[in-house]
Amino acid sequence: MAKIGYARVSTADQHVEKQAARLVEAGCEKVFSDVASGKLVSRPEWDKCLAYLRESDTLVAVKLDRFSRSVPHLIDVAAELERRGVDLRCLDQEIDTTTAMGKLFFTILAAFAQFERDLISERTRDGLAATTKRGRAGGRKPALKGYQVTYARQQIDAGRPVTEVAAELGVSRQTLYRELNGTNKRAGTA
């Protein structure tokens, strides 16, 4: 039953030492520190911290946003730690999942995050249905028009290098191949 600290700053010109000192002062016997954006999926010390945690441990951070890059990600992290029997504690927000109030906070947060995900899905479905009704398929528009694909095919068949044709059309080789193979078919590509 150990307190394990995690400190993170986003840029190299920020200093993680202040957070680490507060975590040690709060009773953490080991502190993992990253200098990395919270948006990065993989943070080396975060990964080590997660691997180090054992059942009955408490993961401590100065602020809640040190754990995750978004509310849905925080919910996922909290759920995974709860499944593993690890509690969360934040010093500044006074959140502690070892208490009933802390668990209530995360339950409410999880409900709002799920509600947000459901709304996003609903809006996406509605938007796709509306574009389909207007005669368009969803997704990104093709990089090349039909006549450009025909031109590219003629040039390549005549022996011109694909890289040269792609550069002339202002697309990458991979995009040109995708268009030539017809794997990027959308409504209105002509």
N, C-alpha and C. Protein backbone atom coordinates (compact mmCIF):
# COMPACT_ATOMS: atom_id res chain seq x y z
N MET A 1 0.84 -1.17 0.00
CA MET A 1 0.00 0.00 0.00
C MET A 1 0.89 1.24 0.00
N ALA A 2 1.39 1.59 -1.20
CA ALA A 2 2.33 2.70 -1.32
C ALA A 2 1.69 3.87 -2.06
N LYS A 3 2.20 5.06 -1.77
CA LYS A 3 1.83 6.24 -2.53
C LYS A 3 2.89 6.44 -3.59
N ILE A 4 2.46 6.46 -4.84
CA ILE A 4 3.36 6.64 -5.96
C ILE A 4 3.00 7.96 -6.63
N GLY A 5 3.98 8.82 -6.86
CA GLY A 5 3.72 10.13 -7.45
C GLY A 5 3.99 10.17 -8.93
N TYR A 6 3.25 11.04 -9.61
CA TYR A 6 3.51 11.30 -11.03
C TYR A 6 3.49 12.80 -11.25
N ALA A 7 4.58 13.31 -11.79
CA ALA A 7 4.71 14.73 -12.10
C ALA A 7 4.95 14.88 -13.60
N ARG A 8 4.37 15.94 -14.17
CA ARG A 8 4.57 16.17 -15.60
C ARG A 8 4.49 17.65 -15.90
N VAL A 9 5.42 18.09 -16.76
CA VAL A 9 5.34 19.43 -17.34
C VAL A 9 5.33 19.25 -18.85
N SER A 10 4.80 20.24 -19.54
CA SER A 10 4.61 20.10 -20.98
C SER A 10 5.83 20.43 -21.81
N THR A 11 6.65 21.36 -21.36
CA THR A 11 7.80 21.78 -22.15
C THR A 11 9.08 21.77 -21.33
N ALA A 12 10.20 21.74 -22.02
CA ALA A 12 11.50 21.66 -21.36
C ALA A 12 11.83 22.91 -20.55
N ASP A 13 11.22 24.05 -20.88
CA ASP A 13 11.51 25.26 -20.12
C ASP A 13 10.71 25.36 -18.82
N GLN A 14 9.82 24.39 -18.59
CA GLN A 14 9.11 24.31 -17.32
C GLN A 14 9.89 23.37 -16.40
N HIS A 15 9.63 23.47 -15.10
CA HIS A 15 10.41 22.68 -14.14
C HIS A 15 9.51 21.72 -13.37
N VAL A 16 9.84 20.44 -13.46
CA VAL A 16 9.06 19.39 -12.82
C VAL A 16 9.43 19.22 -11.35
N GLU A 17 10.54 19.81 -10.94
CA GLU A 17 11.05 19.61 -9.58
C GLU A 17 10.07 20.07 -8.50
N LYS A 18 9.37 21.18 -8.76
CA LYS A 18 8.42 21.72 -7.78
C LYS A 18 7.30 20.72 -7.52
N GLN A 19 6.77 20.12 -8.59
CA GLN A 19 5.73 19.10 -8.44
C GLN A 19 6.29 17.90 -7.68
N ALA A 20 7.47 17.45 -8.09
CA ALA A 20 8.08 16.27 -7.46
C ALA A 20 8.27 16.50 -5.96
N ALA A 21 8.70 17.70 -5.58
CA ALA A 21 8.92 18.01 -4.16
C ALA A 21 7.60 17.95 -3.39
N ARG A 22 6.53 18.47 -3.98
CA ARG A 22 5.21 18.41 -3.31
C ARG A 22 4.74 16.97 -3.15
N LEU A 23 5.03 16.13 -4.14
CA LEU A 23 4.62 14.72 -4.07
C LEU A 23 5.38 13.98 -2.97
N VAL A 24 6.66 14.25 -2.85
CA VAL A 24 7.47 13.65 -1.79
C VAL A 24 6.95 14.13 -0.43
N GLU A 25 6.65 15.42 -0.35
CA GLU A 25 6.11 16.00 0.89
C GLU A 25 4.76 15.36 1.26
N ALA A 26 3.99 14.93 0.24
CA ALA A 26 2.69 14.29 0.48
C ALA A 26 2.83 12.82 0.84
N GLY A 27 4.08 12.32 0.91
CA GLY A 27 4.29 10.94 1.35
C GLY A 27 4.55 9.94 0.25
N CYS A 28 4.79 10.40 -0.98
CA CYS A 28 5.08 9.47 -2.08
C CYS A 28 6.48 8.91 -1.90
N GLU A 29 6.58 7.58 -1.96
CA GLU A 29 7.89 6.96 -1.80
C GLU A 29 8.65 6.85 -3.11
N LYS A 30 7.94 6.97 -4.23
CA LYS A 30 8.59 6.97 -5.54
C LYS A 30 7.83 7.96 -6.41
N VAL A 31 8.58 8.75 -7.21
CA VAL A 31 7.97 9.75 -8.09
C VAL A 31 8.50 9.55 -9.50
N PHE A 32 7.59 9.46 -10.45
CA PHE A 32 7.92 9.38 -11.87
C PHE A 32 7.66 10.75 -12.47
N SER A 33 8.58 11.24 -13.32
CA SER A 33 8.45 12.59 -13.87
C SER A 33 8.65 12.58 -15.38
N ASP A 34 7.75 13.24 -16.09
CA ASP A 34 7.85 13.38 -17.55
C ASP A 34 7.93 14.85 -17.93
N VAL A 35 8.65 15.13 -19.01
CA VAL A 35 8.58 16.42 -19.68
C VAL A 35 7.99 16.07 -21.05
N ALA A 36 6.67 16.15 -21.12
CA ALA A 36 5.97 15.75 -22.34
C ALA A 36 4.57 16.33 -22.32
N SER A 37 4.05 16.60 -23.49
CA SER A 37 2.68 17.09 -23.60
C SER A 37 1.72 16.01 -23.13
N GLY A 38 0.65 16.42 -22.48
CA GLY A 38 -0.37 15.47 -22.05
C GLY A 38 -1.10 14.86 -23.23
N LYS A 39 -0.97 15.47 -24.41
CA LYS A 39 -1.66 14.96 -25.59
C LYS A 39 -0.96 13.72 -26.16
N LEU A 40 0.30 13.52 -25.79
CA LEU A 40 1.02 12.35 -26.28
C LEU A 40 0.44 11.09 -25.65
N VAL A 41 0.17 10.11 -26.47
CA VAL A 41 -0.38 8.85 -25.97
C VAL A 41 0.64 8.15 -25.11
N SER A 42 1.88 8.13 -25.54
CA SER A 42 2.91 7.44 -24.79
C SER A 42 3.88 8.45 -24.18
N ARG A 43 3.97 8.40 -22.87
CA ARG A 43 4.93 9.21 -22.13
C ARG A 43 5.78 8.21 -21.37
N PRO A 44 7.09 8.19 -21.58
CA PRO A 44 7.94 7.13 -21.03
C PRO A 44 7.79 6.91 -19.53
N GLU A 45 7.86 7.97 -18.74
CA GLU A 45 7.77 7.80 -17.29
C GLU A 45 6.35 7.43 -16.85
N TRP A 46 5.35 7.92 -17.58
CA TRP A 46 3.95 7.55 -17.30
C TRP A 46 3.79 6.04 -17.50
N ASP A 47 4.34 5.54 -18.59
CA ASP A 47 4.26 4.11 -18.87
C ASP A 47 4.96 3.30 -17.77
N LYS A 48 6.13 3.78 -17.32
CA LYS A 48 6.85 3.10 -16.23
C LYS A 48 6.04 3.15 -14.94
N CYS A 49 5.42 4.30 -14.70
CA CYS A 49 4.61 4.48 -13.49
C CYS A 49 3.45 3.48 -13.48
N LEU A 50 2.75 3.38 -14.60
CA LEU A 50 1.62 2.45 -14.69
C LEU A 50 2.08 1.01 -14.47
N ALA A 51 3.24 0.68 -15.03
CA ALA A 51 3.77 -0.68 -14.87
C ALA A 51 4.19 -0.94 -13.42
N TYR A 52 4.62 0.09 -12.71
CA TYR A 52 5.12 -0.03 -11.34
C TYR A 52 3.99 -0.20 -10.32
N LEU A 53 2.84 0.40 -10.59
CA LEU A 53 1.74 0.40 -9.63
C LEU A 53 1.24 -1.00 -9.33
N ARG A 54 0.92 -1.24 -8.06
CA ARG A 54 0.39 -2.52 -7.60
C ARG A 54 -0.95 -2.30 -6.92
N GLU A 55 -1.70 -3.36 -6.77
CA GLU A 55 -2.99 -3.29 -6.08
C GLU A 55 -2.79 -2.67 -4.70
N SER A 56 -3.72 -1.82 -4.30
CA SER A 56 -3.72 -1.08 -3.04
C SER A 56 -2.83 0.15 -3.04
N ASP A 57 -2.08 0.40 -4.12
CA ASP A 57 -1.29 1.62 -4.22
C ASP A 57 -2.21 2.81 -4.49
N THR A 58 -1.70 4.00 -4.23
CA THR A 58 -2.41 5.24 -4.56
C THR A 58 -1.51 6.05 -5.49
N LEU A 59 -2.04 6.41 -6.64
CA LEU A 59 -1.32 7.25 -7.59
C LEU A 59 -1.65 8.70 -7.27
N VAL A 60 -0.62 9.50 -7.04
CA VAL A 60 -0.80 10.89 -6.60
C VAL A 60 -0.20 11.84 -7.62
N ALA A 61 -0.92 12.93 -7.90
CA ALA A 61 -0.41 14.01 -8.75
C ALA A 61 -0.82 15.33 -8.11
N VAL A 62 -0.14 16.38 -8.50
CA VAL A 62 -0.46 17.70 -7.98
C VAL A 62 -1.81 18.16 -8.53
N LYS A 63 -2.02 17.96 -9.84
CA LYS A 63 -3.27 18.38 -10.48
C LYS A 63 -3.83 17.21 -11.29
N LEU A 64 -5.12 17.23 -11.49
CA LEU A 64 -5.81 16.17 -12.22
C LEU A 64 -5.34 16.07 -13.67
N ASP A 65 -5.04 17.22 -14.29
CA ASP A 65 -4.65 17.21 -15.70
C ASP A 65 -3.27 16.61 -15.95
N ARG A 66 -2.53 16.29 -14.89
CA ARG A 66 -1.23 15.63 -15.08
C ARG A 66 -1.42 14.17 -15.53
N PHE A 67 -2.57 13.58 -15.20
CA PHE A 67 -2.83 12.18 -15.53
C PHE A 67 -3.23 11.97 -16.98
N SER A 68 -3.91 12.95 -17.58
CA SER A 68 -4.55 12.65 -18.86
C SER A 68 -4.56 13.85 -19.78
N ARG A 69 -5.00 13.62 -21.02
CA ARG A 69 -5.05 14.66 -22.04
C ARG A 69 -6.45 15.20 -22.27
N SER A 70 -7.48 14.52 -21.70
CA SER A 70 -8.86 14.96 -21.88
C SER A 70 -9.72 14.28 -20.82
N VAL A 71 -10.96 14.74 -20.69
CA VAL A 71 -11.86 14.13 -19.71
C VAL A 71 -12.12 12.66 -20.06
N PRO A 72 -12.45 12.34 -21.33
CA PRO A 72 -12.65 10.91 -21.64
C PRO A 72 -11.41 10.06 -21.34
N HIS A 73 -10.22 10.61 -21.62
CA HIS A 73 -8.99 9.85 -21.34
C HIS A 73 -8.82 9.68 -19.83
N LEU A 74 -9.14 10.73 -19.06
CA LEU A 74 -9.06 10.64 -17.61
C LEU A 74 -9.98 9.55 -17.07
N ILE A 75 -11.18 9.48 -17.63
CA ILE A 75 -12.14 8.46 -17.22
C ILE A 75 -11.58 7.07 -17.52
N ASP A 76 -10.97 6.91 -18.70
CA ASP A 76 -10.38 5.62 -19.06
C ASP A 76 -9.24 5.25 -18.10
N VAL A 77 -8.40 6.24 -17.79
CA VAL A 77 -7.28 6.00 -16.86
C VAL A 77 -7.82 5.60 -15.49
N ALA A 78 -8.81 6.37 -15.00
CA ALA A 78 -9.38 6.08 -13.68
C ALA A 78 -10.03 4.70 -13.65
N ALA A 79 -10.74 4.34 -14.71
CA ALA A 79 -11.40 3.03 -14.76
C ALA A 79 -10.37 1.90 -14.77
N GLU A 80 -9.31 2.08 -15.53
CA GLU A 80 -8.25 1.06 -15.58
C GLU A 80 -7.58 0.90 -14.22
N LEU A 81 -7.29 2.02 -13.56
CA LEU A 81 -6.66 1.95 -12.25
C LEU A 81 -7.61 1.33 -11.22
N GLU A 82 -8.88 1.69 -11.31
CA GLU A 82 -9.87 1.10 -10.38
C GLU A 82 -9.94 -0.42 -10.58
N ARG A 83 -9.93 -0.85 -11.85
CA ARG A 83 -9.95 -2.28 -12.15
C ARG A 83 -8.74 -2.99 -11.53
N ARG A 84 -7.61 -2.29 -11.50
CA ARG A 84 -6.38 -2.85 -10.94
C ARG A 84 -6.29 -2.68 -9.43
N GLY A 85 -7.26 -1.99 -8.82
CA GLY A 85 -7.24 -1.78 -7.37
C GLY A 85 -6.33 -0.65 -6.94
N VAL A 86 -6.08 0.32 -7.84
CA VAL A 86 -5.22 1.46 -7.54
C VAL A 86 -6.10 2.70 -7.39
N ASP A 87 -5.88 3.47 -6.34
CA ASP A 87 -6.64 4.71 -6.11
C ASP A 87 -5.92 5.91 -6.70
N LEU A 88 -6.68 7.00 -6.89
CA LEU A 88 -6.14 8.25 -7.41
C LEU A 88 -6.28 9.34 -6.36
N ARG A 89 -5.28 10.23 -6.33
CA ARG A 89 -5.36 11.36 -5.42
C ARG A 89 -4.72 12.56 -6.11
N CYS A 90 -5.38 13.72 -6.01
CA CYS A 90 -4.85 14.97 -6.55
C CYS A 90 -4.75 15.97 -5.42
N LEU A 91 -3.59 16.57 -5.28
CA LEU A 91 -3.35 17.46 -4.16
C LEU A 91 -4.10 18.78 -4.29
N ASP A 92 -4.07 19.42 -5.46
CA ASP A 92 -4.70 20.74 -5.61
C ASP A 92 -6.22 20.68 -5.62
N GLN A 93 -6.80 19.68 -6.25
CA GLN A 93 -8.26 19.58 -6.32
C GLN A 93 -8.84 18.80 -5.14
N GLU A 94 -8.00 18.29 -4.28
CA GLU A 94 -8.43 17.51 -3.12
C GLU A 94 -9.37 16.37 -3.53
N ILE A 95 -8.95 15.66 -4.56
CA ILE A 95 -9.70 14.49 -5.04
C ILE A 95 -8.97 13.25 -4.54
N ASP A 96 -9.73 12.35 -3.98
CA ASP A 96 -9.14 11.14 -3.41
C ASP A 96 -10.15 10.01 -3.56
N THR A 97 -9.87 9.04 -4.43
CA THR A 97 -10.83 7.96 -4.67
C THR A 97 -10.85 6.92 -3.56
N THR A 98 -10.06 7.15 -2.51
CA THR A 98 -10.18 6.26 -1.35
C THR A 98 -11.36 6.69 -0.49
N THR A 99 -11.93 7.87 -0.79
CA THR A 99 -13.08 8.37 -0.03
C THR A 99 -14.35 8.24 -0.87
N ALA A 100 -15.48 8.24 -0.20
CA ALA A 100 -16.77 8.17 -0.89
C ALA A 100 -16.97 9.38 -1.80
N MET A 101 -16.57 10.56 -1.34
CA MET A 101 -16.74 11.78 -2.13
C MET A 101 -15.88 11.73 -3.40
N GLY A 102 -14.67 11.22 -3.29
CA GLY A 102 -13.80 11.09 -4.46
C GLY A 102 -14.38 10.13 -5.48
N LYS A 103 -14.92 9.02 -5.01
CA LYS A 103 -15.56 8.06 -5.93
C LYS A 103 -16.78 8.68 -6.59
N LEU A 104 -17.56 9.45 -5.84
CA LEU A 104 -18.72 10.13 -6.40
C LEU A 104 -18.29 11.10 -7.50
N PHE A 105 -17.22 11.85 -7.25
CA PHE A 105 -16.72 12.79 -8.25
C PHE A 105 -16.41 12.08 -9.56
N PHE A 106 -15.69 10.96 -9.49
CA PHE A 106 -15.34 10.24 -10.71
C PHE A 106 -16.56 9.62 -11.37
N THR A 107 -17.53 9.20 -10.61
CA THR A 107 -18.75 8.64 -11.19
C THR A 107 -19.50 9.72 -11.98
N ILE A 108 -19.60 10.91 -11.40
CA ILE A 108 -20.26 12.02 -12.09
C ILE A 108 -19.46 12.42 -13.33
N LEU A 109 -18.16 12.49 -13.20
CA LEU A 109 -17.30 12.83 -14.33
C LEU A 109 -17.46 11.80 -15.45
N ALA A 110 -17.52 10.53 -15.10
CA ALA A 110 -17.70 9.46 -16.08
C ALA A 110 -19.04 9.60 -16.79
N ALA A 111 -20.08 9.95 -16.04
CA ALA A 111 -21.40 10.12 -16.64
C ALA A 111 -21.39 11.26 -17.67
N PHE A 112 -20.76 12.38 -17.30
CA PHE A 112 -20.68 13.50 -18.24
C PHE A 112 -19.84 13.15 -19.47
N ALA A 113 -18.75 12.42 -19.27
CA ALA A 113 -17.92 12.03 -20.40
C ALA A 113 -18.68 11.10 -21.34
N GLN A 114 -19.43 10.16 -20.79
CA GLN A 114 -20.23 9.26 -21.62
C GLN A 114 -21.31 10.04 -22.37
N PHE A 115 -21.95 10.98 -21.69
CA PHE A 115 -22.96 11.83 -22.31
C PHE A 115 -22.35 12.61 -23.48
N GLU A 116 -21.14 13.15 -23.28
CA GLU A 116 -20.45 13.89 -24.35
C GLU A 116 -20.15 12.97 -25.54
N ARG A 117 -19.66 11.76 -25.27
CA ARG A 117 -19.37 10.81 -26.36
C ARG A 117 -20.63 10.45 -27.12
N ASP A 118 -21.74 10.25 -26.39
CA ASP A 118 -23.02 9.92 -27.04
C ASP A 118 -23.51 11.06 -27.92
N LEU A 119 -23.37 12.30 -27.43
CA LEU A 119 -23.78 13.46 -28.23
C LEU A 119 -22.95 13.58 -29.50
N ILE A 120 -21.65 13.37 -29.39
CA ILE A 120 -20.77 13.44 -30.56
C ILE A 120 -21.17 12.37 -31.57
N SER A 121 -21.42 11.15 -31.11
CA SER A 121 -21.83 10.07 -32.02
C SER A 121 -23.15 10.40 -32.70
N GLU A 122 -24.09 10.93 -31.93
CA GLU A 122 -25.40 11.28 -32.47
C GLU A 122 -25.27 12.37 -33.54
N ARG A 123 -24.46 13.40 -33.26
CA ARG A 123 -24.26 14.47 -34.24
C ARG A 123 -23.56 13.95 -35.49
N THR A 124 -22.62 13.04 -35.33
CA THR A 124 -21.92 12.47 -36.47
C THR A 124 -22.88 11.68 -37.35
N ARG A 125 -23.70 10.84 -36.72
CA ARG A 125 -24.69 10.07 -37.49
C ARG A 125 -25.66 10.99 -38.22
N ASP A 126 -26.14 12.03 -37.53
CA ASP A 126 -27.07 12.98 -38.16
C ASP A 126 -26.41 13.70 -39.34
N GLY A 127 -25.16 14.10 -39.17
CA GLY A 127 -24.44 14.77 -40.25
C GLY A 127 -24.22 13.88 -41.45
N LEU A 128 -23.85 12.63 -41.21
CA LEU A 128 -23.66 11.69 -42.33
C LEU A 128 -24.97 11.41 -43.04
N ALA A 129 -26.05 11.29 -42.29
CA ALA A 129 -27.37 11.06 -42.91
C ALA A 129 -27.76 12.26 -43.77
N ALA A 130 -27.49 13.47 -43.29
CA ALA A 130 -27.83 14.67 -44.05
C ALA A 130 -27.02 14.78 -45.33
N THR A 131 -25.72 14.47 -45.28
CA THR A 131 -24.90 14.55 -46.50
C THR A 131 -25.29 13.45 -47.48
N THR A 132 -25.65 12.28 -46.98
CA THR A 132 -26.09 11.20 -47.86
C THR A 132 -27.40 11.59 -48.54
N LYS A 133 -28.28 12.23 -47.80
CA LYS A 133 -29.56 12.68 -48.34
C LYS A 133 -29.35 13.70 -49.46
N ARG A 134 -28.28 14.50 -49.33
CA ARG A 134 -27.97 15.50 -50.36
C ARG A 134 -27.18 14.90 -51.53
N GLY A 135 -26.95 13.59 -51.48
CA GLY A 135 -26.28 12.92 -52.59
C GLY A 135 -24.77 12.87 -52.50
N ARG A 136 -24.22 13.11 -51.34
CA ARG A 136 -22.78 13.05 -51.16
C ARG A 136 -22.44 11.96 -50.16
N ALA A 137 -21.30 11.35 -50.37
CA ALA A 137 -20.81 10.37 -49.41
C ALA A 137 -19.99 11.11 -48.36
N GLY A 138 -19.89 10.57 -47.17
CA GLY A 138 -19.10 11.21 -46.12
C GLY A 138 -17.62 10.99 -46.37
N GLY A 139 -16.83 11.63 -45.57
CA GLY A 139 -15.38 11.46 -45.65
C GLY A 139 -14.70 12.57 -46.41
N ARG A 140 -13.41 12.43 -46.53
CA ARG A 140 -12.58 13.44 -47.19
C ARG A 140 -12.84 13.42 -48.69
N LYS A 141 -12.79 14.61 -49.28
CA LYS A 141 -12.95 14.70 -50.73
C LYS A 141 -11.71 14.12 -51.40
N PRO A 142 -11.88 13.57 -52.61
CA PRO A 142 -10.72 13.01 -53.32
C PRO A 142 -9.67 14.08 -53.58
N ALA A 143 -8.42 13.68 -53.60
CA ALA A 143 -7.33 14.61 -53.84
C ALA A 143 -7.27 15.03 -55.30
N LEU A 144 -7.73 14.17 -56.19
CA LEU A 144 -7.69 14.44 -57.63
C LEU A 144 -9.08 14.30 -58.25
N LYS A 145 -9.32 15.10 -59.25
CA LYS A 145 -10.57 14.99 -60.01
C LYS A 145 -10.41 13.85 -61.01
N GLY A 146 -11.53 13.39 -61.56
CA GLY A 146 -11.52 12.27 -62.50
C GLY A 146 -10.60 12.48 -63.69
N TYR A 147 -10.63 13.69 -64.27
CA TYR A 147 -9.78 13.96 -65.43
C TYR A 147 -8.30 13.94 -65.08
N GLN A 148 -7.96 14.31 -63.81
CA GLN A 148 -6.58 14.27 -63.37
C GLN A 148 -6.08 12.83 -63.22
N VAL A 149 -6.95 11.96 -62.75
CA VAL A 149 -6.61 10.54 -62.62
C VAL A 149 -6.38 9.95 -64.01
N THR A 150 -7.26 10.30 -64.96
CA THR A 150 -7.11 9.82 -66.34
C THR A 150 -5.79 10.30 -66.93
N TYR A 151 -5.48 11.59 -66.73
CA TYR A 151 -4.23 12.16 -67.21
C TYR A 151 -3.03 11.43 -66.61
N ALA A 152 -3.07 11.22 -65.28
CA ALA A 152 -1.97 10.54 -64.60
C ALA A 152 -1.76 9.14 -65.15
N ARG A 153 -2.86 8.42 -65.35
CA ARG A 153 -2.77 7.06 -65.88
C ARG A 153 -2.12 7.08 -67.27
N GLN A 154 -2.51 8.03 -68.11
CA GLN A 154 -1.93 8.14 -69.47
C GLN A 154 -0.44 8.44 -69.40
N GLN A 155 -0.05 9.35 -68.52
CA GLN A 155 1.36 9.72 -68.39
C GLN A 155 2.21 8.54 -67.90
N ILE A 156 1.69 7.82 -66.93
CA ILE A 156 2.43 6.68 -66.38
C ILE A 156 2.51 5.57 -67.41
N ASP A 157 1.41 5.32 -68.14
CA ASP A 157 1.42 4.31 -69.20
C ASP A 157 2.40 4.68 -70.30
N ALA A 158 2.64 5.98 -70.49
CA ALA A 158 3.58 6.45 -71.52
C ALA A 158 5.03 6.38 -71.03
N GLY A 159 5.23 5.96 -69.76
CA GLY A 159 6.58 5.75 -69.26
C GLY A 159 7.11 6.83 -68.33
N ARG A 160 6.31 7.82 -68.01
CA ARG A 160 6.75 8.85 -67.07
C ARG A 160 6.79 8.30 -65.66
N PRO A 161 7.78 8.66 -64.85
CA PRO A 161 7.87 8.17 -63.48
C PRO A 161 6.68 8.66 -62.63
N VAL A 162 6.21 7.79 -61.76
CA VAL A 162 5.08 8.11 -60.90
C VAL A 162 5.40 9.32 -60.02
N THR A 163 6.61 9.38 -59.49
CA THR A 163 7.01 10.49 -58.63
C THR A 163 6.88 11.82 -59.36
N GLU A 164 7.28 11.84 -60.61
CA GLU A 164 7.21 13.06 -61.43
C GLU A 164 5.76 13.48 -61.69
N VAL A 165 4.92 12.51 -62.02
CA VAL A 165 3.50 12.79 -62.29
C VAL A 165 2.82 13.28 -60.99
N ALA A 166 3.12 12.63 -59.88
CA ALA A 166 2.53 13.03 -58.60
C ALA A 166 2.93 14.46 -58.25
N ALA A 167 4.22 14.80 -58.44
CA ALA A 167 4.69 16.15 -58.15
C ALA A 167 3.98 17.18 -59.03
N GLU A 168 3.80 16.85 -60.29
CA GLU A 168 3.10 17.76 -61.21
C GLU A 168 1.67 18.02 -60.75
N LEU A 169 1.02 16.99 -60.23
CA LEU A 169 -0.37 17.11 -59.79
C LEU A 169 -0.49 17.64 -58.35
N GLY A 170 0.65 17.78 -57.68
CA GLY A 170 0.64 18.34 -56.33
C GLY A 170 0.18 17.38 -55.25
N VAL A 171 0.41 16.07 -55.45
CA VAL A 171 0.05 15.06 -54.46
C VAL A 171 1.25 14.15 -54.21
N SER A 172 1.18 13.37 -53.15
CA SER A 172 2.26 12.42 -52.88
C SER A 172 2.10 11.19 -53.79
N ARG A 173 3.17 10.42 -53.87
CA ARG A 173 3.11 9.17 -54.64
C ARG A 173 2.03 8.25 -54.12
N GLN A 174 1.96 8.14 -52.78
CA GLN A 174 0.97 7.25 -52.16
C GLN A 174 -0.45 7.68 -52.52
N THR A 175 -0.71 9.00 -52.50
CA THR A 175 -2.04 9.51 -52.85
C THR A 175 -2.34 9.19 -54.30
N LEU A 176 -1.37 9.38 -55.18
CA LEU A 176 -1.59 9.09 -56.60
C LEU A 176 -1.90 7.60 -56.80
N TYR A 177 -1.15 6.73 -56.15
CA TYR A 177 -1.44 5.29 -56.25
C TYR A 177 -2.85 4.97 -55.75
N ARG A 178 -3.23 5.58 -54.63
CA ARG A 178 -4.56 5.34 -54.07
C ARG A 178 -5.64 5.78 -55.07
N GLU A 179 -5.44 6.92 -55.69
CA GLU A 179 -6.42 7.43 -56.67
C GLU A 179 -6.44 6.54 -57.92
N LEU A 180 -5.27 6.11 -58.36
CA LEU A 180 -5.20 5.25 -59.55
C LEU A 180 -5.86 3.89 -59.31
N ASN A 181 -5.74 3.39 -58.09
CA ASN A 181 -6.34 2.09 -57.75
C ASN A 181 -7.82 2.21 -57.45
N GLY A 182 -8.31 3.44 -57.35
CA GLY A 182 -9.74 3.64 -57.12
C GLY A 182 -10.18 3.36 -55.71
N THR A 183 -9.24 3.40 -54.75
CA THR A 183 -9.62 3.12 -53.35
C THR A 183 -10.11 4.36 -52.63
N ASN A 184 -10.18 5.48 -53.36
CA ASN A 184 -10.66 6.70 -52.74
C ASN A 184 -11.91 7.19 -53.47
N LYS A 185 -12.84 6.28 -53.72
CA LYS A 185 -14.05 6.62 -54.47
C LYS A 185 -15.04 7.36 -53.57
N ARG A 186 -15.47 8.49 -54.02
CA ARG A 186 -16.48 9.28 -53.32
C ARG A 186 -17.48 9.77 -54.35
N ALA A 187 -18.61 10.21 -53.87
CA ALA A 187 -19.61 10.76 -54.77
C ALA A 187 -19.05 12.04 -55.38
N GLY A 188 -19.27 12.23 -56.65
CA GLY A 188 -18.87 13.46 -57.33
C GLY A 188 -17.39 13.57 -57.59
N THR A 189 -16.69 12.48 -57.93
CA THR A 189 -15.24 12.56 -58.17
C THR A 189 -14.90 12.99 -59.57
N ALA A 190 -15.85 13.11 -60.44
CA ALA A 190 -15.55 13.49 -61.82
C ALA A 190 -15.12 14.91 -61.95
